[in-house]
Amino acid sequence: MVFVDQAAQQFDAVILATGFRTDLRQLLPSVHGVLSEEGKPLVSGETTNEPGLYFCGLTASPTGQLREIGFEATRIGDLVRKYLKSNTPPSFC
């Protein structure tokens, strides 16, 4: 990842908590096929069109949002482990 001051750092994971603002176009300008025209992730809790990029907690659930987030987070953890075993770090980092 390259920061604004041009310092670079490698990370195994980056977790971004956006709260209720889901327009991610400015944060992920080089990512394609992942965000809607409004900047919202197209999928939550699954693999996206960008290898190594995952979103969690964006699916409304009548059985409880925290419950759904728990399911998604577990699923994403499994996907990330598989991804890291077989791939290099994603290009957007």
Protein backbone atom coordinates (compact mmCIF):
# COMPACT_ATOMS: atom_id res chain seq x y z
CA MET A 1 0.00 0.00 0.00
CA VAL A 2 1.29 3.47 -0.85
CA PHE A 3 0.24 6.31 1.43
CA VAL A 4 -0.32 9.97 0.57
CA ASP A 5 3.22 10.87 1.69
CA GLN A 6 4.51 8.17 -0.73
CA ALA A 7 5.59 5.88 2.12
CA ALA A 8 4.97 2.25 1.19
CA GLN A 9 4.10 -0.67 3.45
CA GLN A 10 3.08 -4.29 2.83
CA PHE A 11 0.10 -5.68 4.77
CA ASP A 12 -1.48 -9.10 4.93
CA ALA A 13 -4.88 -7.46 5.32
CA VAL A 14 -6.47 -4.03 5.38
CA ILE A 15 -9.75 -3.60 7.22
CA LEU A 16 -11.74 -0.49 6.45
CA ALA A 17 -14.75 0.47 8.56
CA THR A 18 -16.79 3.01 6.61
CA GLY A 19 -19.82 3.19 8.87
CA PHE A 20 -22.95 4.33 7.07
CA ARG A 21 -21.10 5.94 4.16
CA THR A 22 -20.80 3.31 1.48
CA ASP A 23 -19.60 5.40 -1.48
CA LEU A 24 -16.18 3.82 -1.88
CA ARG A 25 -15.28 5.25 -5.31
CA GLN A 26 -12.69 7.65 -3.89
CA LEU A 27 -11.11 4.95 -1.73
CA LEU A 28 -10.91 2.37 -4.53
CA PRO A 29 -10.52 4.39 -7.76
CA SER A 30 -8.63 1.69 -9.66
CA VAL A 31 -11.00 -1.17 -8.80
CA HIS A 32 -13.44 -2.13 -11.57
CA GLY A 33 -16.53 -4.35 -11.55
CA VAL A 34 -16.84 -4.25 -7.77
CA LEU A 35 -18.85 -1.09 -7.00
CA SER A 36 -22.21 0.15 -8.25
CA GLU A 37 -22.53 3.54 -9.96
CA GLU A 38 -23.22 4.96 -6.48
CA GLY A 39 -20.01 3.46 -5.11
CA LYS A 40 -21.64 0.68 -3.10
CA PRO A 41 -20.16 -2.84 -3.14
CA LEU A 42 -22.03 -5.18 -5.47
CA VAL A 43 -21.56 -8.19 -3.16
CA SER A 44 -21.15 -8.70 0.56
CA GLY A 45 -19.71 -11.74 2.29
CA GLU A 46 -18.46 -13.27 -0.96
CA THR A 47 -15.57 -13.06 -3.39
CA THR A 48 -15.67 -9.88 -5.48
CA ASN A 49 -14.59 -9.28 -9.05
CA GLU A 50 -11.25 -8.07 -7.64
CA PRO A 51 -9.22 -11.01 -6.25
CA GLY A 52 -8.47 -10.53 -2.55
CA LEU A 53 -11.08 -7.80 -1.97
CA TYR A 54 -14.05 -8.60 0.29
CA PHE A 55 -16.90 -6.61 1.84
CA CYS A 56 -18.84 -7.54 4.96
CA GLY A 57 -22.05 -6.40 6.62
CA LEU A 58 -23.80 -4.86 3.64
CA THR A 59 -26.64 -7.36 3.32
CA ALA A 60 -29.79 -6.45 5.24
CA SER A 61 -31.08 -9.42 7.19
CA PRO A 62 -34.50 -9.85 8.81
CA THR A 63 -32.93 -12.25 11.32
CA GLY A 64 -30.47 -9.65 12.60
CA GLN A 65 -27.64 -7.63 11.09
CA LEU A 66 -25.01 -8.72 13.61
CA ARG A 67 -25.92 -12.36 13.04
CA GLU A 68 -25.50 -11.93 9.28
CA ILE A 69 -22.18 -10.10 9.77
CA GLY A 70 -20.94 -13.04 11.83
CA PHE A 71 -21.81 -15.47 9.03
CA GLU A 72 -20.22 -13.24 6.40
CA ALA A 73 -17.06 -12.67 8.44
CA THR A 74 -16.58 -16.41 8.95
CA ARG A 75 -17.13 -17.07 5.24
CA ILE A 76 -14.71 -14.27 4.28
CA GLY A 77 -12.09 -15.62 6.70
CA ASP A 78 -12.23 -18.97 4.93
CA LEU A 79 -12.04 -17.31 1.51
CA VAL A 80 -9.05 -15.17 2.55
CA ARG A 81 -7.15 -18.17 3.89
CA LYS A 82 -7.69 -20.02 0.60
CA TYR A 83 -6.76 -16.93 -1.39
CA LEU A 84 -3.53 -16.29 0.53
CA LYS A 85 -2.43 -19.91 0.15
CA SER A 86 -2.72 -19.79 -3.62
CA ASN A 87 -2.10 -16.17 -4.71
CA THR A 88 0.08 -13.13 -4.44
CA PRO A 89 -1.21 -10.00 -2.69
CA PRO A 90 -3.99 -8.15 -4.55
CA SER A 91 -3.04 -5.37 -6.95
CA PHE A 92 -5.10 -2.65 -5.25
CA CYS A 93 -2.97 -2.77 -2.06
